């Protein structure tokens, strides 16, 4: 649910930017469509649920944002490999573990180094709120203050 909330805020920012004719980003969640995830996992392989979507939707220079407690799921690793191979920028928010692959593969990498799923998810939520407030302030016509 937190990712969907971030997308809604980014969409709000997108509307502002479009009215300014400065930027028209495409923003979507790779976890949003249960139907698509089910089809890919049944017909191809569950480990490809994100990389197959990237193959269909991404273009060189796009940004993949990984948000994962460990960053070790094969589906996330495969999406990151696809991003590297196809010149996508990678931002990774990881909760815990010493994930050298994710660290070395990401343009920006944050590891919370916690061992608690609840705390990790709460911090991810806060990070998404900070990101959305930053984008809102930076790209709004009125330069809204961060509350």
Protein backbone atom coordinates (compact mmCIF):
# COMPACT_ATOMS: atom_id res chain seq x y z
CA UNK A 1 0.00 0.00 0.00
CA UNK A 2 2.87 2.38 0.73
CA UNK A 3 4.15 2.15 -2.85
CA UNK A 4 0.69 3.00 -4.18
CA UNK A 5 0.60 6.06 -1.92
CA UNK A 6 3.96 7.22 -3.25
CA UNK A 7 2.71 6.76 -6.81
CA UNK A 8 -0.34 8.90 -6.06
CA UNK A 9 1.89 11.70 -4.74
CA UNK A 10 4.24 11.44 -7.73
CA UNK A 11 1.20 11.56 -10.03
CA UNK A 12 0.16 14.78 -8.28
CA UNK A 13 3.61 16.15 -8.96
CA UNK A 14 3.33 14.94 -12.55
CA UNK A 15 0.15 16.95 -13.03
CA UNK A 16 1.94 20.03 -11.78
CA UNK A 17 4.92 19.44 -14.05
CA UNK A 18 2.72 18.81 -17.09
CA UNK A 19 0.98 22.13 -16.50
CA UNK A 20 4.44 23.70 -16.46
CA UNK A 21 5.42 21.76 -19.60
CA UNK A 22 8.72 20.78 -18.01
CA UNK A 23 8.48 17.02 -17.54
CA UNK A 24 6.11 14.16 -18.21
CA UNK A 25 7.41 11.19 -16.22
CA UNK A 26 5.85 7.75 -16.44
CA UNK A 27 5.44 6.24 -13.01
CA UNK A 28 3.98 2.86 -12.16
CA UNK A 29 4.35 0.07 -9.65
CA UNK A 30 5.56 -3.37 -10.67
CA UNK A 31 3.53 -4.89 -7.81
CA UNK A 32 0.24 -3.23 -8.71
CA UNK A 33 -1.32 -5.77 -11.09
CA UNK A 34 -2.06 -9.10 -9.43
CA UNK A 35 -3.41 -10.35 -12.77
CA UNK A 36 -0.15 -9.58 -14.56
CA UNK A 37 1.99 -11.01 -11.76
CA UNK A 38 -0.09 -14.20 -11.79
CA UNK A 39 0.13 -14.53 -15.57
CA UNK A 40 3.91 -14.05 -15.62
CA UNK A 41 4.46 -16.43 -12.71
CA UNK A 42 2.21 -19.13 -14.23
CA UNK A 43 3.26 -18.80 -17.86
CA UNK A 44 6.93 -17.81 -17.53
CA UNK A 45 8.44 -17.96 -14.04
CA UNK A 46 7.74 -16.25 -10.73
CA UNK A 47 11.36 -15.11 -10.58
CA UNK A 48 10.66 -12.97 -13.68
CA UNK A 49 7.58 -11.06 -12.41
CA UNK A 50 9.41 -7.73 -12.34
CA UNK A 51 11.99 -8.15 -15.12
CA UNK A 52 9.29 -9.12 -17.64
CA UNK A 53 7.39 -5.94 -16.83
CA UNK A 54 10.57 -3.88 -17.16
CA UNK A 55 11.21 -5.48 -20.53
CA UNK A 56 7.78 -4.39 -21.66
CA UNK A 57 7.60 -0.90 -20.12
CA UNK A 58 11.08 0.50 -19.49
CA UNK A 59 13.35 2.54 -21.70
CA UNK A 60 17.02 3.43 -21.43
CA UNK A 61 17.52 6.05 -18.72
CA UNK A 62 14.41 5.11 -16.73
CA UNK A 63 14.74 4.60 -12.99
CA UNK A 64 14.07 1.34 -11.18
CA UNK A 65 13.37 1.86 -7.48
CA UNK A 66 13.91 -1.30 -5.42
CA UNK A 67 12.20 -1.32 -2.02
CA UNK A 68 12.96 -4.59 -0.25
CA UNK A 69 13.69 -5.85 3.23
CA UNK A 70 16.61 -8.03 2.10
CA UNK A 71 16.99 -7.40 -1.63
CA UNK A 72 17.78 -11.08 -2.10
CA UNK A 73 14.57 -12.26 -3.78
CA UNK A 74 15.29 -13.70 -7.20
CA UNK A 75 12.54 -11.53 -8.67
CA UNK A 76 14.26 -8.36 -7.43
CA UNK A 77 17.73 -9.57 -8.42
CA UNK A 78 16.47 -10.38 -11.94
CA UNK A 79 14.83 -6.96 -12.26
CA UNK A 80 18.08 -5.32 -11.18
CA UNK A 81 20.07 -7.39 -13.67
CA UNK A 82 17.66 -6.36 -16.41
CA UNK A 83 18.05 -2.71 -15.37
CA UNK A 84 21.85 -2.94 -15.53
CA UNK A 85 21.81 -4.64 -18.93
CA UNK A 86 19.42 -2.05 -20.35
CA UNK A 87 20.97 1.12 -18.90
CA UNK A 88 18.31 1.92 -16.33
CA UNK A 89 19.24 3.91 -13.25
CA UNK A 90 18.79 2.00 -10.00
CA UNK A 91 17.82 3.29 -6.57
CA UNK A 92 17.69 0.64 -3.84
CA UNK A 93 16.23 0.89 -0.34
CA UNK A 94 17.19 -2.26 1.58
CA UNK A 95 16.23 -3.03 5.16
CA UNK A 96 18.96 -5.40 6.26
CA UNK A 97 21.67 -7.83 5.25
CA UNK A 98 24.97 -7.41 3.47
CA UNK A 99 23.77 -7.44 -0.11
CA UNK A 100 26.90 -6.65 -2.12
CA UNK A 101 25.18 -7.25 -5.46
CA UNK A 102 22.47 -4.70 -4.77
CA UNK A 103 24.95 -2.23 -3.29
CA UNK A 104 27.32 -2.48 -6.25
CA UNK A 105 24.51 -2.42 -8.82
CA UNK A 106 22.67 0.63 -7.58
CA UNK A 107 23.32 4.25 -8.48
CA UNK A 108 21.94 5.13 -5.04
CA UNK A 109 21.80 2.59 -2.24
CA UNK A 110 20.45 2.85 1.28
CA UNK A 111 20.69 -0.08 3.69
CA UNK A 112 18.90 0.49 6.98
CA UNK A 113 20.87 -2.34 8.63
CA UNK A 114 17.97 -3.33 10.85
CA UNK A 115 16.90 -6.87 11.63
CA UNK A 116 13.26 -6.11 12.23
CA UNK A 117 10.68 -6.27 9.44
CA UNK A 118 8.26 -3.91 11.20
CA UNK A 119 10.84 -1.21 11.75
CA UNK A 120 12.12 -1.64 8.20
CA UNK A 121 8.63 -1.21 6.74
CA UNK A 122 7.94 1.83 8.96
CA UNK A 123 11.19 3.49 7.85
CA UNK A 124 10.39 2.71 4.19
CA UNK A 125 7.01 4.42 4.68
CA UNK A 126 8.70 7.48 6.19
CA UNK A 127 11.25 7.57 3.34
CA UNK A 128 8.46 7.50 0.77
CA UNK A 129 6.70 10.37 2.54
CA UNK A 130 9.93 12.39 2.59
CA UNK A 131 10.48 11.66 -1.10
CA UNK A 132 6.96 12.72 -2.01
CA UNK A 133 7.24 15.92 0.04
CA UNK A 134 10.57 16.71 -1.58
CA UNK A 135 9.12 16.20 -5.06
CA UNK A 136 6.05 18.22 -4.21
CA UNK A 137 8.17 21.13 -2.99
CA UNK A 138 10.71 20.99 -5.79
CA UNK A 139 8.26 20.73 -8.67
CA UNK A 140 5.16 22.58 -7.57
CA UNK A 141 4.42 25.94 -9.11
CA UNK A 142 3.92 27.50 -5.70
CA UNK A 143 6.95 25.73 -4.15
CA UNK A 144 4.85 24.36 -1.31
CA UNK A 145 6.63 24.16 2.00
CA UNK A 146 7.45 20.75 3.43
CA UNK A 147 5.13 20.25 6.36
